[in-house]
Amino acid sequence: QSIANDKSIDVILSPGDMSYANASPRDCQTNHIKWESFFERMEFVLRRIPIQTCPGNHEIETDALSREVFVAYENYFHMPQVKKVEMSPSTYPFYDYEYGNAFYSYTYGAARIISLSSHSSTS
């Protein structure tokens, strides 16, 4: 709660790995209980302070039904989007992720914030 009460904090910039919600290294499926636990713990902070995040390798979790990656991340975080997702998120084991919440930039005060995801294809 000390962070939530700190009036000098205007925004939280997260480089990813938000909740470590992947169920196990073997299947990497999303564990929604861990996501909910993360948000419950952060509730007091996130009520007052906006958060901007970039997907990390622990947001790769695959959807149990579609096997698409980043489904939970896309639903929990709505970051500024360059444009809509250009390709469907890939399935295991490739993990390509283009546009959507993959990368974006914006100006906050005197700072230019650039978020680059390492899960975008380089080809």
Protein backbone atom coordinates (compact mmCIF):
# COMPACT_ATOMS: atom_id res chain seq x y z
CA GLN A 1 0.00 0.00 0.00
CA SER A 2 2.96 2.35 0.40
CA ILE A 3 3.29 2.49 -3.40
CA ALA A 4 -0.43 3.21 -3.78
CA ASN A 5 -0.11 6.13 -1.35
CA ASP A 6 3.06 7.56 -2.91
CA LYS A 7 1.85 10.68 -4.75
CA SER A 8 5.15 10.98 -6.65
CA ILE A 9 4.36 7.86 -8.73
CA ASP A 10 2.35 8.78 -11.84
CA VAL A 11 2.57 5.57 -13.88
CA ILE A 12 4.00 2.06 -13.61
CA LEU A 13 6.07 0.83 -16.56
CA SER A 14 6.39 -2.95 -16.54
CA PRO A 15 8.78 -4.86 -18.80
CA GLY A 16 6.55 -7.95 -18.61
CA ASP A 17 6.52 -11.18 -16.61
CA MET A 18 3.52 -9.85 -14.74
CA SER A 19 2.04 -12.85 -12.95
CA TYR A 20 3.99 -15.98 -13.94
CA ALA A 21 0.62 -17.54 -14.72
CA ASN A 22 1.86 -20.31 -16.96
CA ALA A 23 0.68 -23.54 -15.35
CA SER A 24 3.79 -25.60 -15.97
CA PRO A 25 6.82 -25.59 -18.26
CA ARG A 26 5.45 -28.70 -19.95
CA ASP A 27 2.13 -27.33 -21.16
CA CYS A 28 2.47 -23.54 -20.65
CA GLN A 29 -1.29 -23.15 -20.36
CA THR A 30 -2.71 -20.08 -18.69
CA ASN A 31 -3.41 -20.34 -14.98
CA HIS A 32 -6.20 -17.79 -14.46
CA ILE A 33 -6.09 -18.26 -10.68
CA LYS A 34 -2.55 -16.81 -10.68
CA TRP A 35 -3.67 -13.89 -12.88
CA GLU A 36 -6.52 -13.16 -10.47
CA SER A 37 -4.17 -13.40 -7.50
CA PHE A 38 -1.82 -10.89 -9.16
CA PHE A 39 -4.66 -8.39 -9.70
CA GLU A 40 -5.97 -8.88 -6.16
CA ARG A 41 -2.52 -8.06 -4.75
CA MET A 42 -2.12 -5.05 -7.04
CA GLU A 43 -5.67 -3.73 -6.59
CA PHE A 44 -4.80 -0.90 -4.19
CA VAL A 45 -2.01 0.29 -6.48
CA LEU A 46 -3.85 -0.07 -9.80
CA ARG A 47 -6.89 1.83 -8.52
CA ARG A 48 -4.78 4.99 -8.50
CA ILE A 49 -1.77 4.40 -10.74
CA PRO A 50 -2.08 3.42 -14.42
CA ILE A 51 0.12 0.60 -15.66
CA GLN A 52 1.74 0.21 -19.07
CA THR A 53 3.31 -3.14 -19.84
CA CYS A 54 5.11 -5.04 -22.55
CA PRO A 55 4.69 -8.81 -22.89
CA GLY A 56 7.46 -10.88 -21.38
CA ASN A 57 8.20 -14.56 -21.81
CA HIS A 58 5.80 -15.42 -18.96
CA GLU A 59 2.88 -13.93 -20.89
CA ILE A 60 3.34 -16.57 -23.60
CA GLU A 61 0.87 -18.94 -21.94
CA THR A 62 -1.21 -20.83 -24.45
CA ASP A 63 -4.97 -20.93 -24.41
CA ALA A 64 -6.14 -24.44 -23.50
CA LEU A 65 -8.73 -24.56 -26.30
CA SER A 66 -7.21 -22.65 -29.22
CA ARG A 67 -3.52 -23.19 -28.34
CA GLU A 68 -2.95 -19.53 -29.30
CA VAL A 69 -0.44 -17.57 -27.27
CA PHE A 70 -0.89 -14.27 -25.39
CA VAL A 71 -4.70 -14.66 -25.21
CA ALA A 72 -4.84 -13.87 -21.48
CA TYR A 73 -2.43 -10.94 -21.86
CA GLU A 74 -4.50 -9.47 -24.71
CA ASN A 75 -7.62 -9.70 -22.55
CA TYR A 76 -6.11 -8.34 -19.33
CA PHE A 77 -4.06 -5.48 -20.83
CA HIS A 78 -5.25 -3.03 -23.45
CA MET A 79 -2.14 -1.07 -24.35
CA PRO A 80 -1.99 1.52 -27.15
CA GLN A 81 -2.00 -0.43 -30.40
CA VAL A 82 -0.05 0.41 -33.54
CA LYS A 83 -2.69 -1.49 -35.46
CA LYS A 84 -4.81 -4.59 -35.05
CA VAL A 85 -3.15 -7.98 -34.85
CA GLU A 86 -1.87 -8.67 -38.36
CA MET A 87 -1.44 -12.40 -38.04
CA SER A 88 -3.09 -14.82 -35.70
CA PRO A 89 -0.93 -15.48 -32.68
CA SER A 90 1.11 -18.55 -33.43
CA THR A 91 0.80 -21.81 -31.62
CA TYR A 92 3.43 -23.67 -29.64
CA PRO A 93 6.42 -23.83 -30.14
CA PHE A 94 6.95 -20.70 -32.28
CA TYR A 95 5.34 -17.95 -30.17
CA ASP A 96 5.33 -15.22 -32.86
CA TYR A 97 3.18 -12.28 -31.84
CA GLU A 98 2.64 -9.31 -34.18
CA TYR A 99 0.99 -5.97 -33.43
CA GLY A 100 -1.89 -5.86 -31.00
CA ASN A 101 -0.19 -5.29 -27.64
CA ALA A 102 3.16 -6.52 -29.01
CA PHE A 103 4.74 -3.09 -29.36
CA TYR A 104 3.71 0.55 -29.11
CA SER A 105 5.01 3.99 -28.18
CA TYR A 106 3.61 7.14 -26.62
CA THR A 107 4.74 10.36 -25.01
CA TYR A 108 4.29 10.83 -21.28
CA GLY A 109 5.34 14.27 -20.09
CA ALA A 110 8.87 14.85 -21.38
CA ALA A 111 9.54 11.13 -21.93
CA ARG A 112 8.99 9.05 -25.06
CA ILE A 113 8.04 5.51 -23.96
CA ILE A 114 8.77 2.72 -26.45
CA SER A 115 7.62 -0.83 -25.77
CA LEU A 116 9.18 -3.55 -27.93
CA SER A 117 8.22 -7.19 -27.63
CA SER A 118 10.89 -9.82 -28.20
CA HIS A 119 8.16 -12.14 -29.51
CA SER A 120 7.72 -10.35 -32.84
CA SER A 121 9.09 -12.08 -35.90
CA THR A 122 12.39 -10.81 -37.27
CA SER A 123 11.90 -12.28 -40.71
